[in-house]
C-alpha cells in the first residue's frame, strides 16, 4: 500500500527530531528514521495495527514504537499517517481521521 503523511504527522516528526536533537543530533536522526521505518512496515500490513481506543473506528489504527504512537487511517490502496506522539500524552483532539485533504505531497 502507498504510505502518505499528513502535514500534521510530518510536523510531529520534525518536532520529535528537534526535541531529541537538543541532546543528541545523531540520535535524533536515527530515532526519526526508526519511526518512519515502522510506518512503512505498517503500510505493508495495515490491518495488523491495533484499533485506536480513543476513536473506536476500525480504519483508524496505530502501531507503537517504544513510547511513541503512530496513528494512521487505512484507505483503499493507501495508508495515511495522521499523527505521531508520545504515548503518555492524551490523544490529540484536533486529529481529523475522517478527511484526507491534509496529505503532504
N, C-alpha and C. Protein backbone atom coordinates (compact mmCIF):
# COMPACT_ATOMS: atom_id res chain seq x y z
N UNK A 1 0.83 -1.19 0.00
CA UNK A 1 0.00 0.00 0.00
C UNK A 1 0.87 1.24 0.00
N UNK A 2 0.32 2.27 -0.57
CA UNK A 2 1.02 3.55 -0.60
C UNK A 2 0.96 4.19 0.79
N UNK A 3 2.06 4.79 1.22
CA UNK A 3 2.13 5.46 2.51
C UNK A 3 2.19 6.96 2.28
N UNK A 4 1.26 7.67 2.90
CA UNK A 4 1.21 9.13 2.81
C UNK A 4 1.18 9.70 4.22
N UNK A 5 1.81 10.85 4.39
CA UNK A 5 1.88 11.53 5.68
C UNK A 5 1.06 12.80 5.63
N UNK A 6 0.23 13.03 6.63
CA UNK A 6 -0.49 14.31 6.72
C UNK A 6 0.52 15.39 7.10
N UNK A 7 0.14 16.62 6.86
CA UNK A 7 1.00 17.73 7.27
C UNK A 7 1.26 17.67 8.77
N UNK A 8 0.24 17.34 9.52
CA UNK A 8 0.40 17.26 10.98
C UNK A 8 1.43 16.20 11.35
N UNK A 9 1.36 15.01 10.74
CA UNK A 9 2.29 13.93 11.07
C UNK A 9 3.72 14.32 10.72
N UNK A 10 3.90 15.02 9.61
CA UNK A 10 5.24 15.48 9.24
C UNK A 10 5.77 16.47 10.28
N UNK A 11 4.89 17.38 10.73
CA UNK A 11 5.30 18.33 11.78
C UNK A 11 5.63 17.58 13.08
N UNK A 12 4.85 16.57 13.39
CA UNK A 12 5.12 15.76 14.58
C UNK A 12 6.53 15.18 14.53
N UNK A 13 6.89 14.59 13.39
CA UNK A 13 8.24 14.02 13.26
C UNK A 13 9.32 15.08 13.41
N UNK A 14 9.10 16.24 12.81
CA UNK A 14 10.07 17.33 12.94
C UNK A 14 10.22 17.75 14.39
N UNK A 15 9.10 17.87 15.09
CA UNK A 15 9.15 18.27 16.50
C UNK A 15 9.87 17.23 17.35
N UNK A 16 9.59 15.97 17.10
CA UNK A 16 10.27 14.89 17.83
C UNK A 16 11.77 14.96 17.57
N UNK A 17 12.14 15.10 16.31
CA UNK A 17 13.56 15.20 15.96
C UNK A 17 14.24 16.39 16.60
N UNK A 18 13.58 17.53 16.59
CA UNK A 18 14.17 18.73 17.20
C UNK A 18 14.35 18.56 18.71
N UNK A 19 13.36 17.96 19.34
CA UNK A 19 13.44 17.76 20.78
C UNK A 19 14.63 16.86 21.14
N UNK A 20 14.76 15.75 20.47
CA UNK A 20 15.86 14.81 20.75
C UNK A 20 17.20 15.43 20.38
N UNK A 21 17.22 16.22 19.30
CA UNK A 21 18.47 16.82 18.81
C UNK A 21 19.08 17.81 19.80
N UNK A 22 18.28 18.34 20.70
CA UNK A 22 18.84 19.25 21.70
C UNK A 22 19.95 18.56 22.50
N UNK A 23 19.77 17.26 22.73
CA UNK A 23 20.78 16.50 23.47
C UNK A 23 21.72 15.71 22.56
N UNK A 24 21.17 15.23 21.43
CA UNK A 24 21.98 14.35 20.59
C UNK A 24 21.45 14.35 19.15
N UNK A 25 21.99 15.19 18.29
CA UNK A 25 21.51 15.28 16.91
C UNK A 25 21.59 13.95 16.15
N UNK A 26 22.61 13.20 16.38
CA UNK A 26 22.76 11.91 15.69
C UNK A 26 21.65 10.94 16.11
N UNK A 27 21.37 10.89 17.39
CA UNK A 27 20.30 10.03 17.89
C UNK A 27 18.95 10.50 17.35
N UNK A 28 18.77 11.79 17.20
CA UNK A 28 17.51 12.33 16.68
C UNK A 28 17.25 11.83 15.26
N UNK A 29 18.26 11.88 14.43
CA UNK A 29 18.11 11.39 13.05
C UNK A 29 17.76 9.90 13.04
N UNK A 30 18.46 9.14 13.87
CA UNK A 30 18.21 7.69 13.92
C UNK A 30 16.81 7.40 14.44
N UNK A 31 16.37 8.13 15.44
CA UNK A 31 15.06 7.88 16.02
C UNK A 31 13.94 8.21 15.03
N UNK A 32 14.06 9.34 14.36
CA UNK A 32 13.04 9.72 13.37
C UNK A 32 13.01 8.70 12.24
N UNK A 33 14.16 8.23 11.82
CA UNK A 33 14.19 7.20 10.77
C UNK A 33 13.54 5.91 11.26
N UNK A 34 13.73 5.59 12.51
CA UNK A 34 13.09 4.39 13.07
C UNK A 34 11.55 4.53 13.03
N UNK A 35 11.04 5.70 13.35
CA UNK A 35 9.60 5.94 13.29
C UNK A 35 9.09 5.84 11.85
N UNK A 36 9.85 6.42 10.93
CA UNK A 36 9.46 6.34 9.50
C UNK A 36 9.44 4.89 9.02
N UNK A 37 10.44 4.13 9.41
CA UNK A 37 10.51 2.73 9.00
C UNK A 37 9.34 1.94 9.56
N UNK A 38 8.97 2.20 10.80
CA UNK A 38 7.83 1.48 11.38
C UNK A 38 6.54 1.84 10.66
N UNK A 39 6.40 3.08 10.24
CA UNK A 39 5.22 3.48 9.46
C UNK A 39 5.21 2.76 8.12
N UNK A 40 6.38 2.64 7.49
CA UNK A 40 6.45 1.91 6.22
C UNK A 40 6.04 0.45 6.42
N UNK A 41 6.47 -0.15 7.50
CA UNK A 41 6.08 -1.53 7.81
C UNK A 41 4.58 -1.63 8.03
N UNK A 42 4.01 -0.67 8.70
CA UNK A 42 2.56 -0.67 8.94
C UNK A 42 1.79 -0.60 7.63
N UNK A 43 2.32 0.13 6.67
CA UNK A 43 1.65 0.25 5.37
C UNK A 43 1.64 -1.09 4.63
N UNK A 44 2.60 -1.95 4.92
CA UNK A 44 2.65 -3.27 4.28
C UNK A 44 1.58 -4.20 4.84
N UNK A 45 1.27 -4.06 6.12
CA UNK A 45 0.24 -4.89 6.78
C UNK A 45 -0.62 -3.99 7.67
N UNK A 46 -1.39 -3.10 7.06
CA UNK A 46 -2.09 -2.07 7.84
C UNK A 46 -3.11 -2.59 8.84
N UNK A 47 -3.72 -3.72 8.57
CA UNK A 47 -4.75 -4.24 9.48
C UNK A 47 -4.15 -4.89 10.71
N UNK A 48 -2.83 -5.05 10.74
CA UNK A 48 -2.16 -5.65 11.90
C UNK A 48 -2.07 -4.67 13.07
N UNK A 49 -2.13 -3.37 12.80
CA UNK A 49 -2.09 -2.39 13.87
C UNK A 49 -3.38 -2.46 14.68
N UNK A 50 -3.30 -2.05 15.94
CA UNK A 50 -4.49 -2.12 16.77
C UNK A 50 -5.41 -0.93 16.50
N UNK A 51 -6.69 -1.12 16.73
CA UNK A 51 -7.66 -0.04 16.60
C UNK A 51 -7.36 0.98 17.71
N UNK A 52 -7.37 2.25 17.36
CA UNK A 52 -7.09 3.31 18.33
C UNK A 52 -8.27 3.37 19.31
N UNK A 53 -8.02 3.12 20.59
CA UNK A 53 -9.12 3.06 21.55
C UNK A 53 -9.94 4.35 21.62
N UNK A 54 -9.29 5.49 21.47
CA UNK A 54 -9.99 6.77 21.56
C UNK A 54 -10.93 7.01 20.39
N UNK A 55 -10.76 6.30 19.31
CA UNK A 55 -11.57 6.51 18.11
C UNK A 55 -12.58 5.40 17.86
N UNK A 56 -12.28 4.19 18.24
CA UNK A 56 -13.17 3.04 18.02
C UNK A 56 -13.65 2.98 16.57
N UNK A 57 -12.77 3.26 15.65
CA UNK A 57 -13.05 3.23 14.22
C UNK A 57 -12.12 2.16 13.63
N UNK A 58 -12.67 1.16 12.99
CA UNK A 58 -11.85 0.04 12.50
C UNK A 58 -10.79 0.46 11.50
N UNK A 59 -10.96 1.59 10.85
CA UNK A 59 -9.99 2.04 9.85
C UNK A 59 -8.90 2.93 10.44
N UNK A 60 -9.05 3.36 11.68
CA UNK A 60 -8.02 4.18 12.34
C UNK A 60 -7.26 3.26 13.28
N UNK A 61 -5.98 3.07 12.97
CA UNK A 61 -5.15 2.09 13.65
C UNK A 61 -3.87 2.75 14.15
N UNK A 62 -3.14 2.00 14.93
CA UNK A 62 -1.87 2.52 15.43
C UNK A 62 -0.87 1.40 15.65
N UNK A 63 0.38 1.80 15.58
CA UNK A 63 1.49 0.93 15.96
C UNK A 63 2.31 1.70 17.00
N UNK A 64 2.93 0.95 17.86
CA UNK A 64 3.70 1.55 18.95
C UNK A 64 5.18 1.30 18.70
N UNK A 65 5.98 2.34 18.90
CA UNK A 65 7.43 2.22 18.85
C UNK A 65 7.94 2.81 20.16
N UNK A 66 8.32 1.91 21.05
CA UNK A 66 8.70 2.27 22.42
C UNK A 66 7.62 3.13 23.04
N UNK A 67 7.84 4.42 23.24
CA UNK A 67 6.81 5.24 23.88
C UNK A 67 6.08 6.15 22.90
N UNK A 68 6.22 5.89 21.60
CA UNK A 68 5.52 6.70 20.59
C UNK A 68 4.40 5.91 19.93
N UNK A 69 3.33 6.61 19.63
CA UNK A 69 2.18 6.03 18.92
C UNK A 69 2.15 6.62 17.51
N UNK A 70 2.13 5.77 16.51
CA UNK A 70 1.98 6.20 15.11
C UNK A 70 0.55 5.84 14.73
N UNK A 71 -0.27 6.86 14.54
CA UNK A 71 -1.69 6.66 14.25
C UNK A 71 -1.92 6.89 12.76
N UNK A 72 -2.63 5.95 12.14
CA UNK A 72 -2.88 6.04 10.71
C UNK A 72 -4.30 5.60 10.37
N UNK A 73 -4.73 6.00 9.20
CA UNK A 73 -6.04 5.59 8.69
C UNK A 73 -5.81 4.77 7.43
N UNK A 74 -6.55 3.67 7.34
CA UNK A 74 -6.44 2.78 6.19
C UNK A 74 -7.50 3.20 5.16
N UNK A 75 -7.05 3.52 3.98
CA UNK A 75 -7.92 3.82 2.84
C UNK A 75 -7.69 2.72 1.81
N UNK A 76 -8.53 2.67 0.83
CA UNK A 76 -8.32 1.71 -0.25
C UNK A 76 -7.06 2.10 -1.01
N UNK A 77 -6.04 1.25 -0.93
CA UNK A 77 -4.80 1.48 -1.67
C UNK A 77 -3.79 2.37 -0.99
N UNK A 78 -4.12 2.92 0.19
CA UNK A 78 -3.18 3.83 0.85
C UNK A 78 -3.38 3.83 2.36
N UNK A 79 -2.30 4.16 3.04
CA UNK A 79 -2.31 4.37 4.47
C UNK A 79 -1.89 5.81 4.70
N UNK A 80 -2.68 6.55 5.47
CA UNK A 80 -2.37 7.94 5.78
C UNK A 80 -1.96 8.04 7.24
N UNK A 81 -0.73 8.44 7.49
CA UNK A 81 -0.29 8.66 8.86
C UNK A 81 -0.91 9.98 9.32
N UNK A 82 -1.66 9.91 10.42
CA UNK A 82 -2.40 11.07 10.92
C UNK A 82 -1.60 11.87 11.94
N UNK A 83 -0.91 11.16 12.83
CA UNK A 83 -0.15 11.83 13.89
C UNK A 83 0.85 10.85 14.49
N UNK A 84 1.88 11.40 15.10
CA UNK A 84 2.86 10.63 15.86
C UNK A 84 3.06 11.39 17.16
N UNK A 85 2.86 10.71 18.28
CA UNK A 85 3.00 11.40 19.56
C UNK A 85 3.40 10.44 20.66
N UNK A 86 3.88 11.00 21.77
CA UNK A 86 4.28 10.18 22.91
C UNK A 86 3.05 9.57 23.56
N UNK A 87 3.15 8.30 23.89
CA UNK A 87 2.02 7.56 24.40
C UNK A 87 1.49 8.04 25.73
N UNK A 88 2.29 8.73 26.53
CA UNK A 88 1.79 9.21 27.82
C UNK A 88 0.91 10.44 27.67
N UNK A 89 0.90 11.03 26.48
CA UNK A 89 0.06 12.21 26.23
C UNK A 89 -1.35 11.79 25.85
N UNK A 90 -2.27 12.71 26.05
CA UNK A 90 -3.66 12.48 25.68
C UNK A 90 -3.77 12.53 24.16
N UNK A 91 -4.62 11.66 23.60
CA UNK A 91 -4.82 11.65 22.15
C UNK A 91 -5.25 13.05 21.71
N UNK A 92 -4.58 13.62 20.70
CA UNK A 92 -4.90 14.98 20.26
C UNK A 92 -6.33 15.08 19.72
N UNK A 93 -7.08 16.04 20.26
CA UNK A 93 -8.47 16.24 19.84
C UNK A 93 -8.59 16.73 18.40
N UNK A 94 -7.58 17.40 17.92
CA UNK A 94 -7.69 18.03 16.60
C UNK A 94 -7.21 17.15 15.46
N UNK A 95 -7.02 15.87 15.70
CA UNK A 95 -6.64 14.95 14.63
C UNK A 95 -7.90 14.59 13.86
N UNK A 96 -7.90 14.91 12.58
CA UNK A 96 -9.07 14.65 11.74
C UNK A 96 -8.88 13.32 11.03
N UNK A 97 -9.47 12.29 11.56
CA UNK A 97 -9.31 10.95 10.98
C UNK A 97 -10.26 10.70 9.82
N UNK A 98 -11.19 11.61 9.59
CA UNK A 98 -12.18 11.40 8.53
C UNK A 98 -11.72 11.92 7.18
N UNK A 99 -10.90 12.96 7.18
CA UNK A 99 -10.55 13.55 5.88
C UNK A 99 -9.14 13.16 5.47
N UNK A 100 -8.89 13.29 4.19
CA UNK A 100 -7.54 13.02 3.69
C UNK A 100 -7.03 14.24 2.92
N UNK A 101 -7.59 15.41 3.23
CA UNK A 101 -7.22 16.61 2.47
C UNK A 101 -5.98 17.31 3.00
N UNK A 102 -5.40 16.83 4.06
CA UNK A 102 -4.19 17.49 4.57
C UNK A 102 -2.94 16.62 4.34
N UNK A 103 -2.98 15.86 3.27
CA UNK A 103 -1.86 14.98 2.96
C UNK A 103 -0.70 15.82 2.40
N UNK A 104 0.47 15.61 2.96
CA UNK A 104 1.67 16.29 2.47
C UNK A 104 2.12 15.60 1.19
N UNK A 105 2.39 16.37 0.19
CA UNK A 105 2.84 15.83 -1.12
C UNK A 105 4.34 15.73 -1.16
